[in-house]
Amino acid sequence: MRVSLEEFEELVSRALDGLPVELADLMDNVAVVVEEEPSAEDLESVGLDPAHDELFGLYHGVPLAERDSFYESLPDRVVIYSGPLVRCCDSRRELLREIRDTVVHEIGHHFGLQEDEMPY
């Protein structure tokens, strides 16, 4: 399956637009960006083998639950990786679902959820 970067970014935007308003309103100082591939360092930082594993998304930042009232920093980043997601999906419907699940998962980290607490 082929998807242009612009189309992929639109699918991520649709996933963000589909978030419940209550959740979207609570997001603070976080940017959601699209990159084509994770770096070897990003893969290793989450315990994945750069030669064999795929990473769909990654949260970079300080979760809201760990911030104090004096917190000031550059925006946190949720990175969604287009290459791994496109390679792992057979249809646009599946790709949209995986993008949505990945966006929700990484935003969960922004709210301080651990892997075993994620809805996806």
PDB file of N, CA and C in Angstrom:
ATOM      1  N   MET A   1       0.838  -1.171   0.000  1.00  0.00           N
ATOM      2  CA  MET A   1       0.000   0.000   0.000  1.00  0.00           C
ATOM      3  C   MET A   1       0.887   1.240   0.000  1.00  0.00           C
ATOM      4  N   ARG A   2       0.483   2.216  -0.769  1.00  0.00           N
ATOM      5  CA  ARG A   2       1.218   3.481  -0.839  1.00  0.00           C
ATOM      6  C   ARG A   2       0.338   4.601  -0.295  1.00  0.00           C
ATOM      7  N   VAL A   3       0.958   5.450   0.520  1.00  0.00           N
ATOM      8  CA  VAL A   3       0.275   6.611   1.075  1.00  0.00           C
ATOM      9  C   VAL A   3       1.282   7.743   1.082  1.00  0.00           C
ATOM     10  N   SER A   4       0.915   8.876   0.505  1.00  0.00           N
ATOM     11  CA  SER A   4       1.818  10.017   0.511  1.00  0.00           C
ATOM     12  C   SER A   4       1.942  10.562   1.932  1.00  0.00           C
ATOM     13  N   LEU A   5       3.004  11.291   2.181  1.00  0.00           N
ATOM     14  CA  LEU A   5       3.200  11.893   3.494  1.00  0.00           C
ATOM     15  C   LEU A   5       2.055  12.850   3.815  1.00  0.00           C
ATOM     16  N   GLU A   6       1.593  13.601   2.830  1.00  0.00           N
ATOM     17  CA  GLU A   6       0.485  14.533   3.042  1.00  0.00           C
ATOM     18  C   GLU A   6      -0.792  13.788   3.433  1.00  0.00           C
ATOM     19  N   GLU A   7      -1.061  12.677   2.742  1.00  0.00           N
ATOM     20  CA  GLU A   7      -2.251  11.891   3.070  1.00  0.00           C
ATOM     21  C   GLU A   7      -2.120  11.280   4.457  1.00  0.00           C
ATOM     22  N   PHE A   8      -0.930  10.804   4.799  1.00  0.00           N
ATOM     23  CA  PHE A   8      -0.700  10.226   6.119  1.00  0.00           C
ATOM     24  C   PHE A   8      -0.934  11.283   7.201  1.00  0.00           C
ATOM     25  N   GLU A   9      -0.408  12.488   6.980  1.00  0.00           N
ATOM     26  CA  GLU A   9      -0.607  13.575   7.943  1.00  0.00           C
ATOM     27  C   GLU A   9      -2.087  13.898   8.100  1.00  0.00           C
ATOM     28  N   GLU A  10      -2.841  13.820   7.024  1.00  0.00           N
ATOM     29  CA  GLU A  10      -4.287  14.045   7.098  1.00  0.00           C
ATOM     30  C   GLU A  10      -4.959  12.955   7.937  1.00  0.00           C
ATOM     31  N   LEU A  11      -4.521  11.720   7.802  1.00  0.00           N
ATOM     32  CA  LEU A  11      -5.082  10.633   8.609  1.00  0.00           C
ATOM     33  C   LEU A  11      -4.779  10.839  10.091  1.00  0.00           C
ATOM     34  N   VAL A  12      -3.579  11.324  10.409  1.00  0.00           N
ATOM     35  CA  VAL A  12      -3.231  11.637  11.806  1.00  0.00           C
ATOM     36  C   VAL A  12      -4.116  12.773  12.300  1.00  0.00           C
ATOM     37  N   SER A  13      -4.326  13.774  11.468  1.00  0.00           N
ATOM     38  CA  SER A  13      -5.192  14.892  11.837  1.00  0.00           C
ATOM     39  C   SER A  13      -6.616  14.414  12.112  1.00  0.00           C
ATOM     40  N   ARG A  14      -7.104  13.503  11.293  1.00  0.00           N
ATOM     41  CA  ARG A  14      -8.437  12.933  11.518  1.00  0.00           C
ATOM     42  C   ARG A  14      -8.503  12.179  12.832  1.00  0.00           C
ATOM     43  N   ALA A  15      -7.440  11.452  13.157  1.00  0.00           N
ATOM     44  CA  ALA A  15      -7.400  10.726  14.429  1.00  0.00           C
ATOM     45  C   ALA A  15      -7.441  11.705  15.602  1.00  0.00           C
ATOM     46  N   LEU A  16      -6.712  12.809  15.487  1.00  0.00           N
ATOM     47  CA  LEU A  16      -6.724  13.823  16.547  1.00  0.00           C
ATOM     48  C   LEU A  16      -8.102  14.473  16.655  1.00  0.00           C
ATOM     49  N   ASP A  17      -8.717  14.751  15.515  1.00  0.00           N
ATOM     50  CA  ASP A  17     -10.057  15.346  15.520  1.00  0.00           C
ATOM     51  C   ASP A  17     -11.084  14.409  16.145  1.00  0.00           C
ATOM     52  N   GLY A  18     -10.819  13.113  16.107  1.00  0.00           N
ATOM     53  CA  GLY A  18     -11.737  12.125  16.663  1.00  0.00           C
ATOM     54  C   GLY A  18     -11.599  11.909  18.155  1.00  0.00           C
ATOM     55  N   LEU A  19     -10.618  12.561  18.777  1.00  0.00           N
ATOM     56  CA  LEU A  19     -10.468  12.436  20.228  1.00  0.00           C
ATOM     57  C   LEU A  19     -11.661  13.070  20.934  1.00  0.00           C
ATOM     58  N   PRO A  20     -12.081  12.498  22.044  1.00  0.00           N
ATOM     59  CA  PRO A  20     -13.139  13.159  22.818  1.00  0.00           C
ATOM     60  C   PRO A  20     -12.695  14.567  23.213  1.00  0.00           C
ATOM     61  N   VAL A  21     -13.601  15.514  23.138  1.00  0.00           N
ATOM     62  CA  VAL A  21     -13.288  16.914  23.441  1.00  0.00           C
ATOM     63  C   VAL A  21     -12.699  17.042  24.840  1.00  0.00           C
ATOM     64  N   GLU A  22     -13.236  16.277  25.781  1.00  0.00           N
ATOM     65  CA  GLU A  22     -12.748  16.348  27.156  1.00  0.00           C
ATOM     66  C   GLU A  22     -11.263  15.987  27.238  1.00  0.00           C
ATOM     67  N   LEU A  23     -10.854  15.000  26.465  1.00  0.00           N
ATOM     68  CA  LEU A  23      -9.455  14.574  26.448  1.00  0.00           C
ATOM     69  C   LEU A  23      -8.588  15.604  25.734  1.00  0.00           C
ATOM     70  N   ALA A  24      -9.027  16.053  24.586  1.00  0.00           N
ATOM     71  CA  ALA A  24      -8.261  17.037  23.811  1.00  0.00           C
ATOM     72  C   ALA A  24      -8.059  18.317  24.609  1.00  0.00           C
ATOM     73  N   ASP A  25      -9.072  18.731  25.367  1.00  0.00           N
ATOM     74  CA  ASP A  25      -8.970  19.960  26.156  1.00  0.00           C
ATOM     75  C   ASP A  25      -7.946  19.849  27.281  1.00  0.00           C
ATOM     76  N   LEU A  26      -7.663  18.637  27.732  1.00  0.00           N
ATOM     77  CA  LEU A  26      -6.713  18.428  28.828  1.00  0.00           C
ATOM     78  C   LEU A  26      -5.262  18.349  28.361  1.00  0.00           C
ATOM     79  N   MET A  27      -5.064  18.174  27.062  1.00  0.00           N
ATOM     80  CA  MET A  27      -3.689  18.092  26.546  1.00  0.00           C
ATOM     81  C   MET A  27      -3.021  19.441  26.739  1.00  0.00           C
ATOM     82  N   ASP A  28      -1.806  19.418  27.308  1.00  0.00           N
ATOM     83  CA  ASP A  28      -1.128  20.659  27.633  1.00  0.00           C
ATOM     84  C   ASP A  28       0.313  20.604  27.163  1.00  0.00           C
ATOM     85  N   ASN A  29       0.699  21.576  26.340  1.00  0.00           N
ATOM     86  CA  ASN A  29       2.084  21.724  25.910  1.00  0.00           C
ATOM     87  C   ASN A  29       2.593  20.466  25.205  1.00  0.00           C
ATOM     88  N   VAL A  30       1.821  19.981  24.246  1.00  0.00           N
ATOM     89  CA  VAL A  30       2.216  18.780  23.504  1.00  0.00           C
ATOM     90  C   VAL A  30       1.937  19.000  22.010  1.00  0.00           C
ATOM     91  N   ALA A  31       2.903  18.624  21.184  1.00  0.00           N
ATOM     92  CA  ALA A  31       2.768  18.706  19.730  1.00  0.00           C
ATOM     93  C   ALA A  31       2.759  17.289  19.164  1.00  0.00           C
ATOM     94  N   VAL A  32       1.871  17.043  18.227  1.00  0.00           N
ATOM     95  CA  VAL A  32       1.824  15.753  17.542  1.00  0.00           C
ATOM     96  C   VAL A  32       2.432  15.960  16.163  1.00  0.00           C
ATOM     97  N   VAL A  33       3.483  15.193  15.874  1.00  0.00           N
ATOM     98  CA  VAL A  33       4.204  15.339  14.612  1.00  0.00           C
ATOM     99  C   VAL A  33       4.314  13.988  13.912  1.00  0.00           C
ATOM    100  N   VAL A  34       4.534  14.042  12.610  1.00  0.00           N
ATOM    101  CA  VAL A  34       4.727  12.836  11.799  1.00  0.00           C
ATOM    102  C   VAL A  34       6.173  12.807  11.325  1.00  0.00           C
ATOM    103  N   GLU A  35       6.813  11.664  11.489  1.00  0.00           N
ATOM    104  CA  GLU A  35       8.134  11.420  10.915  1.00  0.00           C
ATOM    105  C   GLU A  35       8.058  10.112  10.143  1.00  0.00           C
ATOM    106  N   GLU A  36       8.958   9.968   9.167  1.00  0.00           N
ATOM    107  CA  GLU A  36       8.900   8.761   8.345  1.00  0.00           C
ATOM    108  C   GLU A  36       9.366   7.513   9.084  1.00  0.00           C
ATOM    109  N   GLU A  37      10.482   7.587   9.779  1.00  0.00           N
ATOM    110  CA  GLU A  37      11.052   6.418  10.442  1.00  0.00           C
ATOM    111  C   GLU A  37      11.623   6.805  11.802  1.00  0.00           C
ATOM    112  N   PRO A  38      11.561   5.887  12.769  1.00  0.00           N
ATOM    113  CA  PRO A  38      12.226   6.142  14.043  1.00  0.00           C
ATOM    114  C   PRO A  38      13.734   5.945  13.887  1.00  0.00           C
ATOM    115  N   SER A  39      14.485   6.652  14.701  1.00  0.00           N
ATOM    116  CA  SER A  39      15.939   6.454  14.684  1.00  0.00           C
ATOM    117  C   SER A  39      16.283   5.177  15.442  1.00  0.00           C
ATOM    118  N   ALA A  40      17.478   4.678  15.222  1.00  0.00           N
ATOM    119  CA  ALA A  40      17.948   3.504  15.966  1.00  0.00           C
ATOM    120  C   ALA A  40      17.940   3.810  17.466  1.00  0.00           C
ATOM    121  N   GLU A  41      18.287   5.041  17.825  1.00  0.00           N
ATOM    122  CA  GLU A  41      18.300   5.430  19.242  1.00  0.00           C
ATOM    123  C   GLU A  41      16.899   5.389  19.839  1.00  0.00           C
ATOM    124  N   ASP A  42      15.901   5.840  19.071  1.00  0.00           N
ATOM    125  CA  ASP A  42      14.528   5.796  19.565  1.00  0.00           C
ATOM    126  C   ASP A  42      14.083   4.351  19.780  1.00  0.00           C
ATOM    127  N   LEU A  43      14.398   3.490  18.839  1.00  0.00           N
ATOM    128  CA  LEU A  43      14.048   2.070  18.987  1.00  0.00           C
ATOM    129  C   LEU A  43      14.714   1.472  20.218  1.00  0.00           C
ATOM    130  N   GLU A  44      15.991   1.731  20.375  1.00  0.00           N
ATOM    131  CA  GLU A  44      16.725   1.183  21.515  1.00  0.00           C
ATOM    132  C   GLU A  44      16.221   1.754  22.832  1.00  0.00           C
ATOM    133  N   SER A  45      15.766   3.009  22.834  1.00  0.00           N
ATOM    134  CA  SER A  45      15.292   3.631  24.076  1.00  0.00           C
ATOM    135  C   SER A  45      14.054   2.944  24.637  1.00  0.00           C
ATOM    136  N   VAL A  46      13.312   2.254  23.785  1.00  0.00           N
ATOM    137  CA  VAL A  46      12.135   1.516  24.255  1.00  0.00           C
ATOM    138  C   VAL A  46      12.344   0.005  24.190  1.00  0.00           C
ATOM    139  N   GLY A  47      13.601  -0.407  24.054  1.00  0.00           N
ATOM    140  CA  GLY A  47      13.939  -1.820  24.105  1.00  0.00           C
ATOM    141  C   GLY A  47      13.651  -2.606  22.849  1.00  0.00           C
ATOM    142  N   LEU A  48      13.602  -1.942  21.701  1.00  0.00           N
ATOM    143  CA  LEU A  48      13.356  -2.637  20.438  1.00  0.00           C
ATOM    144  C   LEU A  48      14.648  -2.799  19.661  1.00  0.00           C
ATOM    145  N   ASP A  49      14.719  -3.859  18.873  1.00  0.00           N
ATOM    146  CA  ASP A  49      15.874  -4.149  18.048  1.00  0.00           C
ATOM    147  C   ASP A  49      15.743  -3.403  16.718  1.00  0.00           C
ATOM    148  N   PRO A  50      16.647  -2.453  16.438  1.00  0.00           N
ATOM    149  CA  PRO A  50      16.543  -1.684  15.192  1.00  0.00           C
ATOM    150  C   PRO A  50      16.556  -2.537  13.929  1.00  0.00           C
ATOM    151  N   ALA A  51      17.121  -3.730  13.990  1.00  0.00           N
ATOM    152  CA  ALA A  51      17.198  -4.580  12.802  1.00  0.00           C
ATOM    153  C   ALA A  51      15.913  -5.359  12.539  1.00  0.00           C
ATOM    154  N   HIS A  52      15.051  -5.505  13.556  1.00  0.00           N
ATOM    155  CA  HIS A  52      13.903  -6.388  13.389  1.00  0.00           C
ATOM    156  C   HIS A  52      12.558  -5.823  13.834  1.00  0.00           C
ATOM    157  N   ASP A  53      12.544  -4.798  14.660  1.00  0.00           N
ATOM    158  CA  ASP A  53      11.298  -4.332  15.244  1.00  0.00           C
ATOM    159  C   ASP A  53      10.788  -3.050  14.590  1.00  0.00           C
ATOM    160  N   GLU A  54       9.491  -2.868  14.667  1.00  0.00           N
ATOM    161  CA  GLU A  54       8.840  -1.666  14.163  1.00  0.00           C
ATOM    162  C   GLU A  54       8.314  -0.864  15.347  1.00  0.00           C
ATOM    163  N   LEU A  55       8.347   0.436  15.223  1.00  0.00           N
ATOM    164  CA  LEU A  55       7.812   1.347  16.231  1.00  0.00           C
ATOM    165  C   LEU A  55       6.835   2.276  15.543  1.00  0.00           C
ATOM    166  N   PHE A  56       5.587   2.303  16.018  1.00  0.00           N
ATOM    167  CA  PHE A  56       4.550   3.125  15.397  1.00  0.00           C
ATOM    168  C   PHE A  56       4.546   4.555  15.911  1.00  0.00           C
ATOM    169  N   GLY A  57       4.883   4.744  17.172  1.00  0.00           N
ATOM    170  CA  GLY A  57       4.851   6.079  17.750  1.00  0.00           C
ATOM    171  C   GLY A  57       5.696   6.145  19.005  1.00  0.00           C
ATOM    172  N   LEU A  58       5.983   7.379  19.435  1.00  0.00           N
ATOM    173  CA  LEU A  58       6.823   7.564  20.621  1.00  0.00           C
ATOM    174  C   LEU A  58       6.479   8.894  21.271  1.00  0.00           C
ATOM    175  N   TYR A  59       6.398   8.878  22.587  1.00  0.00           N
ATOM    176  CA  TYR A  59       6.153  10.090  23.364  1.00  0.00           C
ATOM    177  C   TYR A  59       7.476  10.583  23.931  1.00  0.00           C
ATOM    178  N   HIS A  60       7.774  11.847  23.703  1.00  0.00           N
ATOM    179  CA  HIS A  60       8.946  12.503  24.260  1.00  0.00           C
ATOM    180  C   HIS A  60       8.456  13.624  25.167  1.00  0.00           C
ATOM    181  N   GLY A  61       8.708  13.534  26.454  1.00  0.00           N
ATOM    182  CA  GLY A  61       8.311  14.630  27.319  1.00  0.00           C
ATOM    183  C   GLY A  61       8.137  14.226  28.755  1.00  0.00           C
ATOM    184  N   VAL A  62       7.532  15.121  29.496  1.00  0.00           N
ATOM    185  CA  VAL A  62       7.243  14.919  30.914  1.00  0.00           C
ATOM    186  C   VAL A  62       5.733  14.769  31.043  1.00  0.00           C
ATOM    187  N   PRO A  63       5.275  13.595  31.488  1.00  0.00           N
ATOM    188  CA  PRO A  63       3.825  13.388  31.615  1.00  0.00           C
ATOM    189  C   PRO A  63       3.179  14.426  32.539  1.00  0.00           C
ATOM    190  N   LEU A  64       1.944  14.752  32.257  1.00  0.00           N
ATOM    191  CA  LEU A  64       1.223  15.740  33.050  1.00  0.00           C
ATOM    192  C   LEU A  64       1.241  15.398  34.533  1.00  0.00           C
ATOM    193  N   ALA A  65       1.120  14.128  34.859  1.00  0.00           N
ATOM    194  CA  ALA A  65       1.070  13.711  36.258  1.00  0.00           C
ATOM    195  C   ALA A  65       2.380  13.978  36.996  1.00  0.00           C
ATOM    196  N   GLU A  66       3.477  14.181  36.276  1.00  0.00           N
ATOM    197  CA  GLU A  66       4.783  14.413  36.900  1.00  0.00           C
ATOM    198  C   GLU A  66       5.183  15.884  36.910  1.00  0.00           C
ATOM    199  N   ARG A  67       4.347  16.751  36.377  1.00  0.00           N
ATOM    200  CA  ARG A  67       4.663  18.176  36.324  1.00  0.00           C
ATOM    201  C   ARG A  67       4.202  18.860  37.610  1.00  0.00           C
ATOM    202  N   ASP A  68       4.955  19.874  38.004  1.00  0.00           N
ATOM    203  CA  ASP A  68       4.502  20.683  39.127  1.00  0.00           C
ATOM    204  C   ASP A  68       4.047  22.047  38.609  1.00  0.00           C
ATOM    205  N   SER A  69       3.638  22.915  39.499  1.00  0.00           N
ATOM    206  CA  SER A  69       3.085  24.202  39.077  1.00  0.00           C
ATOM    207  C   SER A  69       4.137  25.130  38.464  1.00  0.00           C
ATOM    208  N   PHE A  70       5.418  24.786  38.610  1.00  0.00           N
ATOM    209  CA  PHE A  70       6.494  25.614  38.058  1.00  0.00           C
ATOM    210  C   PHE A  70       7.030  25.063  36.738  1.00  0.00           C
ATOM    211  N   TYR A  71       6.371  24.052  36.198  1.00  0.00           N
ATOM    212  CA  TYR A  71       6.837  23.402  34.973  1.00  0.00           C
ATOM    213  C   TYR A  71       6.821  24.366  33.793  1.00  0.00           C
ATOM    214  N   GLU A  72       7.967  24.512  33.163  1.00  0.00           N
ATOM    215  CA  GLU A  72       8.082  25.274  31.916  1.00  0.00           C
ATOM    216  C   GLU A  72       9.073  24.537  31.030  1.00  0.00           C
ATOM    217  N   SER A  73       8.685  24.294  29.812  1.00  0.00           N
ATOM    218  CA  SER A  73       9.555  23.563  28.909  1.00  0.00           C
ATOM    219  C   SER A  73       9.046  23.726  27.486  1.00  0.00           C
ATOM    220  N   LEU A  74       9.876  23.294  26.554  1.00  0.00           N
ATOM    221  CA  LEU A  74       9.414  23.199  25.177  1.00  0.00           C
ATOM    222  C   LEU A  74       8.260  22.205  25.140  1.00  0.00           C
ATOM    223  N   PRO A  75       7.430  22.254  24.119  1.00  0.00           N
ATOM    224  CA  PRO A  75       6.317  21.291  24.069  1.00  0.00           C
ATOM    225  C   PRO A  75       6.808  19.848  24.059  1.00  0.00           C
ATOM    226  N   ASP A  76       6.063  18.989  24.745  1.00  0.00           N
ATOM    227  CA  ASP A  76       6.273  17.559  24.609  1.00  0.00           C
ATOM    228  C   ASP A  76       5.951  17.203  23.163  1.00  0.00           C
ATOM    229  N   ARG A  77       6.433  16.029  22.737  1.00  0.00           N
ATOM    230  CA  ARG A  77       6.181  15.600  21.363  1.00  0.00           C
ATOM    231  C   ARG A  77       5.626  14.188  21.337  1.00  0.00           C
ATOM    232  N   VAL A  78       4.583  14.019  20.577  1.00  0.00           N
ATOM    233  CA  VAL A  78       4.090  12.699  20.207  1.00  0.00           C
ATOM    234  C   VAL A  78       4.484  12.538  18.749  1.00  0.00           C
ATOM    235  N   VAL A  79       5.315  11.542  18.473  1.00  0.00           N
ATOM    236  CA  VAL A  79       5.772  11.292  17.103  1.00  0.00           C
ATOM    237  C   VAL A  79       5.049  10.055  16.579  1.00  0.00           C
ATOM    238  N   ILE A  80       4.453  10.194  15.421  1.00  0.00           N
ATOM    239  CA  ILE A  80       3.799   9.084  14.734  1.00  0.00           C
ATOM    240  C   ILE A  80       4.651   8.772  13.508  1.00  0.00           C
ATOM    241  N   TYR A  81       5.091   7.513  13.392  1.00  0.00           N
ATOM    242  CA  TYR A  81       6.005   7.114  12.314  1.00  0.00           C
ATOM    243  C   TYR A  81       5.222   6.508  11.148  1.00  0.00           C
ATOM    244  N   SER A  82       5.283   7.173  10.007  1.00  0.00           N
ATOM    245  CA  SER A  82       4.497   6.745   8.850  1.00  0.00           C
ATOM    246  C   SER A  82       4.998   5.435   8.245  1.00  0.00           C
ATOM    247  N   GLY A  83       6.306   5.275   8.105  1.00  0.00           N
ATOM    248  CA  GLY A  83       6.845   4.084   7.450  1.00  0.00           C
ATOM    249  C   GLY A  83       6.404   2.780   8.088  1.00  0.00           C
ATOM    250  N   PRO A  84       6.636   2.582   9.382  1.00  0.00           N
ATOM    251  CA  PRO A  84       6.218   1.332  10.021  1.00  0.00           C
ATOM    252  C   PRO A  84       4.711   1.094   9.952  1.00  0.00           C
ATOM    253  N   LEU A  85       3.929   2.140  10.131  1.00  0.00           N
ATOM    254  CA  LEU A  85       2.481   1.968  10.098  1.00  0.00           C
ATOM    255  C   LEU A  85       2.009   1.551   8.706  1.00  0.00           C
ATOM    256  N   VAL A  86       2.505   2.187   7.672  1.00  0.00           N
ATOM    257  CA  VAL A  86       2.096   1.836   6.310  1.00  0.00           C
ATOM    258  C   VAL A  86       2.544   0.415   5.978  1.00  0.00           C
ATOM    259  N   ARG A  87       3.760   0.047   6.369  1.00  0.00           N
ATOM    260  CA  ARG A  87       4.264  -1.312   6.081  1.00  0.00           C
ATOM    261  C   ARG A  87       3.443  -2.391   6.763  1.00  0.00           C
ATOM    262  N   CYS A  88       2.893  -2.094   7.923  1.00  0.00           N
ATOM    263  CA  CYS A  88       2.193  -3.111   8.711  1.00  0.00           C
ATOM    264  C   CYS A  88       0.700  -3.199   8.428  1.00  0.00           C
ATOM    265  N   CYS A  89       0.193  -2.355   7.552  1.00  0.00           N
ATOM    266  CA  CYS A  89      -1.243  -2.349   7.273  1.00  0.00           C
ATOM    267  C   CYS A  89      -1.516  -2.744   5.825  1.00  0.00           C
ATOM    268  N   ASP A  90      -2.614  -3.481   5.649  1.00  0.00           N
ATOM    269  CA  ASP A  90      -2.974  -3.959   4.318  1.00  0.00           C
ATOM    270  C   ASP A  90      -4.045  -3.117   3.640  1.00  0.00           C
ATOM    271  N   SER A  91      -4.725  -2.262   4.404  1.00  0.00           N
ATOM    272  CA  SER A  91      -5.803  -1.453   3.823  1.00  0.00           C
ATOM    273  C   SER A  91      -5.822  -0.081   4.478  1.00  0.00           C
ATOM    274  N   ARG A  92      -6.478   0.859   3.831  1.00  0.00           N
ATOM    275  CA  ARG A  92      -6.614   2.206   4.412  1.00  0.00           C
ATOM    276  C   ARG A  92      -7.411   2.154   5.710  1.00  0.00           C
ATOM    277  N   ARG A  93      -8.422   1.304   5.756  1.00  0.00           N
ATOM    278  CA  ARG A  93      -9.224   1.163   6.976  1.00  0.00           C
ATOM    279  C   ARG A  93      -8.346   0.689   8.129  1.00  0.00           C
ATOM    280  N   GLU A  94      -7.527  -0.320   7.875  1.00  0.00           N
ATOM    281  CA  GLU A  94      -6.628  -0.818   8.911  1.00  0.00           C
ATOM    282  C   GLU A  94      -5.617   0.259   9.303  1.00  0.00           C
ATOM    283  N   LEU A  95      -5.104   0.997   8.321  1.00  0.00           N
ATOM    284  CA  LEU A  95      -4.140   2.062   8.601  1.00  0.00           C
ATOM    285  C   LEU A  95      -4.768   3.144   9.472  1.00  0.00           C
ATOM    286  N   LEU A  96      -5.968   3.554   9.159  1.00  0.00           N
ATOM    287  CA  LEU A  96      -6.638   4.577   9.960  1.00  0.00           C
ATOM    288  C   LEU A  96      -6.840   4.093  11.395  1.00  0.00           C
ATOM    289  N   ARG A  97      -7.231   2.843  11.555  1.00  0.00           N
ATOM    290  CA  ARG A  97      -7.427   2.274  12.899  1.00  0.00           C
ATOM    291  C   ARG A  97      -6.109   2.232  13.663  1.00  0.00           C
ATOM    292  N   GLU A  98      -5.034   1.812  13.010  1.00  0.00           N
ATOM    293  CA  GLU A  98      -3.733   1.743  13.681  1.00  0.00           C
ATOM    294  C   GLU A  98      -3.203   3.136  14.023  1.00  0.00           C
ATOM    295  N   ILE A  99      -3.429   4.100  13.146  1.00  0.00           N
ATOM    296  CA  ILE A  99      -3.021   5.475  13.444  1.00  0.00           C
ATOM    297  C   ILE A  99      -3.785   5.971  14.668  1.00  0.00           C
ATOM    298  N   ARG A 100      -5.099   5.776  14.662  1.00  0.00           N
ATOM    299  CA  ARG A 100      -5.918   6.208  15.803  1.00  0.00           C
ATOM    300  C   ARG A 100      -5.445   5.559  17.097  1.00  0.00           C
ATOM    301  N   ASP A 101      -5.228   4.251  17.058  1.00  0.00           N
ATOM    302  CA  ASP A 101      -4.777   3.545  18.261  1.00  0.00           C
ATOM    303  C   ASP A 101      -3.415   4.052  18.725  1.00  0.00           C
ATOM    304  N   THR A 102      -2.524   4.328  17.785  1.00  0.00           N
ATOM    305  CA  THR A 102      -1.186   4.819  18.128  1.00  0.00           C
ATOM    306  C   THR A 102      -1.258   6.216  18.721  1.00  0.00           C
ATOM    307  N   VAL A 103      -2.056   7.088  18.129  1.00  0.00           N
ATOM    308  CA  VAL A 103      -2.219   8.443  18.664  1.00  0.00           C
ATOM    309  C   VAL A 103      -2.758   8.370  20.096  1.00  0.00           C
ATOM    310  N   VAL A 104      -3.803   7.590  20.320  1.00  0.00           N
ATOM    311  CA  VAL A 104      -4.384   7.457  21.666  1.00  0.00           C
ATOM    312  C   VAL A 104      -3.358   6.884  22.635  1.00  0.00           C
ATOM    313  N   HIS A 105      -2.614   5.885  22.200  1.00  0.00           N
ATOM    314  CA  HIS A 105      -1.594   5.253  23.049  1.00  0.00           C
ATOM    315  C   HIS A 105      -0.535   6.267  23.481  1.00  0.00           C
ATOM    316  N   GLU A 106       0.009   7.005  22.527  1.00  0.00           N
ATOM    317  CA  GLU A 106       1.074   7.959  22.859  1.00  0.00           C
ATOM    318  C   GLU A 106       0.551   9.130  23.686  1.00  0.00           C
ATOM    319  N   ILE A 107      -0.674   9.577  23.420  1.00  0.00           N
ATOM    320  CA  ILE A 107      -1.273  10.617  24.250  1.00  0.00           C
ATOM    321  C   ILE A 107      -1.512  10.082  25.657  1.00  0.00           C
ATOM    322  N   GLY A 108      -1.793   8.795  25.760  1.00  0.00           N
ATOM    323  CA  GLY A 108      -1.905   8.174  27.090  1.00  0.00           C
ATOM    324  C   GLY A 108      -0.633   8.366  27.895  1.00  0.00           C
ATOM    325  N   HIS A 109       0.519   8.251  27.242  1.00  0.00           N
ATOM    326  CA  HIS A 109       1.789   8.496  27.945  1.00  0.00           C
ATOM    327  C   HIS A 109       1.874   9.949  28.405  1.00  0.00           C
ATOM    328  N   HIS A 110       1.364  10.882  27.604  1.00  0.00           N
ATOM    329  CA  HIS A 110       1.334  12.296  27.993  1.00  0.00           C
ATOM    330  C   HIS A 110       0.556  12.480  29.298  1.00  0.00           C
ATOM    331  N   PHE A 111      -0.492  11.675  29.479  1.00  0.00           N
ATOM    332  CA  PHE A 111      -1.292  11.744  30.695  1.00  0.00           C
ATOM    333  C   PHE A 111      -0.730  10.884  31.824  1.00  0.00           C
ATOM    334  N   GLY A 112       0.401  10.224  31.576  1.00  0.00           N
ATOM    335  CA  GLY A 112       1.057   9.455  32.632  1.00  0.00           C
ATOM    336  C   GLY A 112       0.703   7.989  32.691  1.00  0.00           C
ATOM    337  N   LEU A 113      -0.043   7.478  31.705  1.00  0.00           N
ATOM    338  CA  LEU A 113      -0.391   6.057  31.707  1.00  0.00           C
ATOM    339  C   LEU A 113       0.820   5.211  31.344  1.00  0.00           C
ATOM    340  N   GLN A 114       0.917   4.065  31.979  1.00  0.00           N
ATOM    341  CA  GLN A 114       1.959   3.090  31.674  1.00  0.00           C
ATOM    342  C   GLN A 114       1.441   2.122  30.606  1.00  0.00           C
ATOM    343  N   GLU A 115       2.340   1.324  30.039  1.00  0.00           N
ATOM    344  CA  GLU A 115       1.965   0.410  28.945  1.00  0.00           C
ATOM    345  C   GLU A 115       0.774  -0.476  29.312  1.00  0.00           C
ATOM    346  N   ASP A 116       0.759  -1.026  30.515  1.00  0.00           N
ATOM    347  CA  ASP A 116      -0.301  -1.946  30.888  1.00  0.00           C
ATOM    348  C   ASP A 116      -1.621  -1.250  31.230  1.00  0.00           C
ATOM    349  N   GLU A 117      -1.639   0.078  31.220  1.00  0.00           N
ATOM    350  CA  GLU A 117      -2.847   0.846  31.502  1.00  0.00           C
ATOM    351  C   GLU A 117      -3.500   1.392  30.238  1.00  0.00           C
ATOM    352  N   MET A 118      -2.877   1.194  29.101  1.00  0.00           N
ATOM    353  CA  MET A 118      -3.349   1.777  27.846  1.00  0.00           C
ATOM    354  C   MET A 118      -4.622   1.093  27.348  1.00  0.00           C
ATOM    355  N   PRO A 119      -5.508   1.896  26.730  1.00  0.00           N
ATOM    356  CA  PRO A 119      -6.712   1.289  26.150  1.00  0.00           C
ATOM    357  C   PRO A 119      -6.390   0.489  24.896  1.00  0.00           C
ATOM    358  N   TYR A 120      -5.224   0.748  24.252  1.00  0.00           N
ATOM    359  CA  TYR A 120      -4.817   0.020  23.032  1.00  0.00           C
ATOM    360  C   TYR A 120      -3.426  -0.486  23.223  1.00  0.00           C
TER     361      TYR A 120
END
